[in-house]
Protein backbone atom coordinates (compact mmCIF):
# COMPACT_ATOMS: atom_id res chain seq x y z
CA MET A 1 138.97 86.47 89.86
CA ILE A 2 136.63 85.64 87.00
CA VAL A 3 135.19 82.14 86.81
CA PHE A 4 133.50 80.48 83.83
CA ASP A 5 131.39 77.58 85.07
CA ASP A 6 130.11 75.22 82.36
CA VAL A 7 129.49 78.12 79.96
CA THR A 8 127.90 77.63 76.55
CA PHE A 9 127.44 80.57 74.20
CA THR A 10 126.15 80.76 70.63
CA TYR A 11 125.52 83.91 68.61
CA PRO A 12 122.00 84.33 67.17
CA ASP A 13 121.52 82.97 63.66
CA THR A 14 124.50 80.63 64.01
CA GLU A 15 124.44 76.94 64.78
CA ARG A 16 127.90 76.29 66.12
CA PRO A 17 128.61 77.45 69.69
CA VAL A 18 131.61 79.70 70.23
CA PHE A 19 132.08 77.98 73.59
CA GLU A 20 130.50 74.75 74.75
CA ARG A 21 130.54 73.83 78.44
CA LEU A 22 133.62 75.96 79.04
CA SER A 23 134.99 76.04 82.58
CA LEU A 24 137.89 78.34 83.44
CA GLU A 25 139.27 80.25 86.39
CA LEU A 26 140.89 83.35 84.95
CA PRO A 27 143.84 84.50 87.08
CA GLU A 28 144.58 87.99 88.30
CA GLY A 29 147.32 90.27 87.02
CA SER A 30 148.13 90.85 83.36
CA VAL A 31 146.53 88.21 81.13
CA SER A 32 146.94 88.08 77.34
CA LEU A 33 144.52 86.40 74.94
CA VAL A 34 146.21 85.25 71.75
CA GLY A 35 145.25 83.09 68.79
CA GLN A 36 143.84 83.19 65.29
CA ASN A 37 140.99 85.51 64.39
CA GLY A 38 137.57 83.94 64.81
CA THR A 39 138.52 81.69 67.73
CA GLY A 40 136.55 83.49 70.44
CA LYS A 41 138.91 86.02 72.02
CA SER A 42 136.55 88.99 71.73
CA THR A 43 133.58 86.86 72.77
CA LEU A 44 135.33 85.65 75.90
CA LEU A 45 136.16 89.23 76.90
CA LEU A 46 132.52 90.24 76.42
CA LEU A 47 131.31 87.30 78.49
CA ALA A 48 133.93 87.88 81.17
CA GLY A 49 132.85 91.50 81.58
CA GLY A 50 129.11 90.80 81.52
CA ARG A 51 128.52 92.48 78.15
CA LEU A 52 127.25 89.15 76.85
CA LEU A 53 125.43 86.53 78.90
CA PRO A 54 125.88 82.78 78.42
CA ASP A 55 123.14 80.57 77.02
CA SER A 56 123.82 78.24 79.93
CA GLY A 57 126.26 78.11 82.79
CA THR A 58 127.48 81.10 84.80
CA VAL A 59 130.21 83.71 84.72
CA LEU A 60 131.27 85.08 88.11
CA ILE A 61 133.28 88.24 88.75
CA ASN A 62 134.61 88.20 92.30
CA GLY A 63 131.76 85.83 93.12
CA ARG A 64 129.07 87.98 91.47
CA ASP A 65 127.00 86.42 88.68
CA THR A 66 127.20 88.68 85.63
CA ALA A 67 123.51 88.00 84.97
CA SER A 68 122.67 89.87 88.19
CA PHE A 69 123.92 93.30 87.11
CA GLN A 70 121.06 95.78 86.80
CA SER A 71 122.81 98.66 85.06
CA GLU A 72 125.87 99.48 82.97
CA GLU A 73 127.31 101.54 85.83
CA GLU A 74 126.99 98.61 88.22
CA ARG A 75 128.61 96.30 85.67
CA ALA A 76 131.40 98.78 84.91
CA GLU A 77 132.48 98.97 88.54
CA TYR A 78 133.37 95.29 88.33
CA ALA A 79 134.71 95.30 84.77
CA ALA A 80 135.40 98.03 82.22
CA HIS A 81 135.55 97.10 78.54
CA ILE A 82 137.52 98.66 75.69
CA TYR A 83 135.99 97.82 72.34
CA GLN A 84 138.24 97.48 69.31
CA ASN A 85 136.67 100.33 67.30
CA VAL A 86 134.96 102.48 69.93
CA GLU A 87 134.15 106.02 68.80
CA PHE A 88 133.14 109.16 70.69
CA GLU A 89 130.74 111.67 69.17
CA THR A 90 131.56 114.79 71.15
CA GLU A 91 133.19 118.15 70.55
CA GLU A 92 134.66 118.27 74.05
CA LYS A 93 138.42 118.36 74.28
CA VAL A 94 140.32 115.25 75.30
CA GLU A 95 141.68 116.98 78.42
CA ASP A 96 138.13 117.69 79.63
CA LEU A 97 137.07 114.11 78.94
CA LEU A 98 140.06 112.74 80.85
CA SER A 99 139.08 114.79 83.89
CA TYR A 100 135.43 113.79 83.60
CA VAL A 101 136.23 110.07 83.42
CA TYR A 102 138.52 110.27 86.44
CA GLU A 103 136.12 112.33 88.53
CA ASN A 104 133.20 110.00 87.78
CA GLY A 105 135.10 106.73 87.99
CA PHE A 106 135.64 104.26 90.79
CA HIS A 107 139.06 105.14 92.19
CA SER A 108 138.69 105.41 95.97
CA GLU A 109 141.31 108.17 96.13
CA LYS A 110 141.75 110.85 93.49
CA ASP A 111 145.13 112.32 92.63
CA PRO A 112 145.18 114.82 89.73
CA ARG A 113 148.81 113.89 89.10
CA PHE A 114 147.58 110.54 87.82
CA ILE A 115 146.05 112.27 84.79
CA ASP A 116 149.34 114.05 84.11
CA GLU A 117 151.18 110.74 84.42
CA LEU A 118 148.96 109.10 81.81
CA VAL A 119 149.13 112.10 79.50
CA LYS A 120 152.91 111.92 79.58
CA HIS A 121 153.18 108.15 79.25
CA PHE A 122 150.71 107.85 76.37
CA GLU A 123 152.07 110.99 74.68
CA LEU A 124 148.85 113.00 74.84
CA GLU A 125 150.41 116.43 75.48
CA LYS A 126 149.30 117.77 72.09
CA THR A 127 146.38 115.41 71.60
CA ARG A 128 144.61 116.63 74.75
CA ARG A 129 143.80 119.98 73.07
CA PHE A 130 141.57 118.37 70.43
CA SER A 131 138.24 116.57 70.37
CA PRO A 132 138.26 112.80 69.67
CA GLY A 133 136.85 113.31 66.19
CA ARG A 134 140.02 115.12 65.13
CA LEU A 135 142.41 112.38 66.18
CA SER A 136 144.15 109.72 64.13
CA LYS A 137 143.41 106.08 64.92
CA GLY A 138 146.60 105.73 66.93
CA GLU A 139 145.96 108.91 68.91
CA HIS A 140 142.41 107.83 69.57
CA GLN A 141 143.58 104.46 70.83
CA ARG A 142 146.06 106.03 73.25
CA VAL A 143 143.28 108.23 74.64
CA ILE A 144 141.07 105.17 75.16
CA LEU A 145 143.90 103.43 77.02
CA ALA A 146 144.11 106.41 79.37
CA PHE A 147 140.33 106.41 79.86
CA SER A 148 140.35 102.74 80.83
CA LEU A 149 142.86 103.30 83.63
CA LEU A 150 141.25 106.52 84.86
CA TYR A 151 137.89 104.77 85.24
CA GLY A 152 139.10 102.64 88.13
CA SER A 153 137.36 99.30 87.55
CA ASN A 154 138.68 96.18 89.27
CA HIS A 155 138.95 94.34 85.95
CA ILE A 156 139.69 95.86 82.55
CA MET A 157 138.87 94.04 79.31
CA MET A 158 140.83 95.29 76.30
CA ASP A 159 140.09 94.06 72.79
CA GLU A 160 143.14 94.73 70.58
CA PRO A 161 144.09 97.87 72.57
CA VAL A 162 147.35 98.69 70.75
CA PHE A 163 146.91 97.52 67.15
CA ALA A 164 147.06 101.07 65.73
CA LEU A 165 150.12 102.20 67.71
CA GLU A 166 153.70 102.56 66.58
CA PRO A 167 155.98 99.70 67.70
CA TYR A 168 157.67 101.74 70.45
CA GLN A 169 154.26 102.94 71.68
CA LYS A 170 153.04 99.35 71.90
CA GLU A 171 156.01 98.46 74.07
CA ARG A 172 155.45 101.46 76.35
CA ALA A 173 151.74 100.64 76.61
CA PHE A 174 152.23 96.99 77.55
CA SER A 175 154.98 97.88 80.01
CA TYR A 176 152.76 100.43 81.74
CA LEU A 177 149.69 98.19 81.78
CA THR A 178 151.65 95.37 83.39
CA GLU A 179 153.13 97.65 86.06
CA TYR A 180 149.72 99.23 86.68
CA ALA A 181 148.13 95.82 87.23
CA ARG A 182 150.85 94.73 89.64
CA THR A 183 151.02 97.90 91.72
CA ARG A 184 147.29 98.69 91.84
CA GLY A 185 145.95 95.19 92.30
CA VAL A 186 143.91 95.48 89.11
CA THR A 187 143.45 92.67 86.60
CA ILE A 188 143.86 93.47 82.91
CA TYR A 189 142.80 91.05 80.17
CA TYR A 190 143.78 91.98 76.63
CA SER A 191 143.66 90.33 73.23
CA ALA A 192 146.66 91.02 71.03
CA HIS A 193 148.60 89.80 68.01
CA GLU A 194 151.93 91.22 69.23
CA LEU A 195 153.27 87.87 70.38
CA GLU A 196 156.74 88.99 71.40
CA LEU A 197 155.28 91.71 73.61
CA THR A 198 152.70 89.43 75.19
CA GLU A 199 155.49 86.99 75.98
CA LYS A 200 157.49 89.77 77.59
CA TYR A 201 154.78 91.51 79.57
CA SER A 202 151.82 89.23 80.37
CA ASP A 203 151.81 87.13 83.53
CA HIS A 204 149.42 84.55 82.10
CA MET A 205 148.30 83.62 78.61
CA LEU A 206 145.04 82.28 77.26
CA LEU A 207 145.77 80.60 73.93
CA PHE A 208 142.90 80.12 71.47
CA SER A 209 142.75 77.71 68.55
CA LYS A 210 140.12 76.48 66.10
CA THR A 211 140.34 72.87 67.21
CA ALA A 212 140.38 72.96 71.02
CA PRO A 213 139.09 74.96 74.01
CA PRO A 214 141.21 77.92 75.17
CA ARG A 215 144.39 76.83 76.90
CA LEU A 216 145.42 78.74 80.04
CA GLY A 217 148.80 78.88 81.72
CA PRO A 218 151.70 81.05 82.88
CA THR A 219 153.09 82.85 79.84
CA ARG A 220 156.63 81.55 80.42
CA GLU A 221 155.30 77.97 80.19
CA LEU A 222 152.73 78.35 77.43
CA PHE A 223 154.75 80.51 75.08
CA GLN A 224 156.66 77.75 73.33
CA ARG A 225 157.26 77.77 69.59
CA GLU A 226 155.60 74.41 68.95
CA ILE A 227 152.57 75.30 71.06
CA ILE A 228 152.12 78.65 69.31
CA GLU A 229 152.54 77.10 65.86
CA GLU A 230 149.95 74.44 66.66
CA ALA A 231 147.42 77.07 67.73
CA TYR A 232 148.01 79.35 64.74
CA GLU A 233 148.53 76.53 62.23
CA VAL A 234 151.45 78.35 60.60
CA PRO A 235 155.21 78.53 61.20
CA PHE A 236 156.22 81.00 63.90
CA VAL A 237 158.24 83.14 61.49
CA MET A 238 155.13 83.77 59.38
CA LEU A 239 153.32 85.26 62.36
CA LYS A 240 155.95 87.99 62.61
CA GLN A 241 155.65 88.65 58.87
CA ARG A 242 151.87 88.97 59.17
CA GLU A 243 152.19 91.57 61.90
CA SER A 244 154.67 93.59 59.84
CA ILE A 245 152.39 93.57 56.77
CA PHE A 246 149.35 94.51 58.87
CA ARG A 247 151.25 97.37 60.49
CA GLU A 248 152.37 98.78 57.13
CA GLY A 249 148.81 98.68 55.78
CA LEU A 250 147.42 100.34 58.88
CA THR A 251 150.01 103.10 58.73
CA LYS A 252 148.95 103.95 55.17
CA ILE A 253 145.29 104.06 56.22
CA ASN A 254 146.08 106.33 59.18
CA GLU A 255 148.02 108.71 56.97
CA ALA A 256 145.19 108.86 54.44
CA GLN A 257 142.51 109.42 57.07
CA ARG A 258 144.40 111.79 59.40
CA PRO A 259 142.10 114.78 60.01
CA GLY A 260 143.37 118.29 59.41
CA ARG A 261 144.29 120.28 62.51
CA GLU A 262 145.69 123.67 63.26
C-alpha cells in the first residue's frame, strides 16, 4: 500500500501547489488515474514512486518513507516507473534487453517462459530482433510494457502506457496488466485517457479535476457519467471524440516517423 500523509508539493518556479495537504491511502491491485491534462496525474505517480519528494508531509510505500531511499536500485525494488516518453540509446537487440532486465530484476523465481509469454502477448516476435532506436512509437511502448513486468517491482507506476497502441492492443494490454496484478500480488497504477477500458479493467479509480483534490473509489462506483463529466468539464460523448481524433493524429505521426528496417 502507498500512503500520502498531508503531502504538499509545488514545482520550482511556480506558485500554486499541485497538491496541498493531500492525504490518501492508495489501494492495491489495478488502479487507474484519469482526468484532464494538467491536474496532477503524472506528478502523483512520481511522488508515489519516490521519483519526486514532497515539500512537506510523507509518502510511504509499504511503510517505507520515500525520502529514505539511498539509490535508484533501492527505490526501484519498491516501485518501478514507466515514463511517458522514455527512450533507450543502445544498439542492443530488444531480445537481449528483455533477458537482461529479467535477469537483473527482483523476481524471486526466474522462469524463462515468462519472457516468451510477454513476447507473444505484446506481439514482439518480430520486434525483438531490432534495437529500440529502430522501433515505431507503438512498438517501443509495447517493449517498455514488457520491461516493466520483467523487472519484478512490488508497485509499477505507468504514465500513459498505451497511448500509442492500436485499439485492440490497448485492450490486450489492460487485460493482461489486470490479470498480472491479481495473480502476482503486484499493484499497478496507470494514468490513461481510455475511459471505457479503465472502467472495464481497473479495480479502483483515482479521478482528477481542476477544482478539487483527487477522488478515490472502486471503479464500478466512481465511473458514473455525471461524475466523469464534472471532472472533465465536457459532455461524456466529447471525451470519446477526443480520443478518436488523438488516435488518428498519432497514427499519422507514427507512419511518418517509422524507421526503415530490413
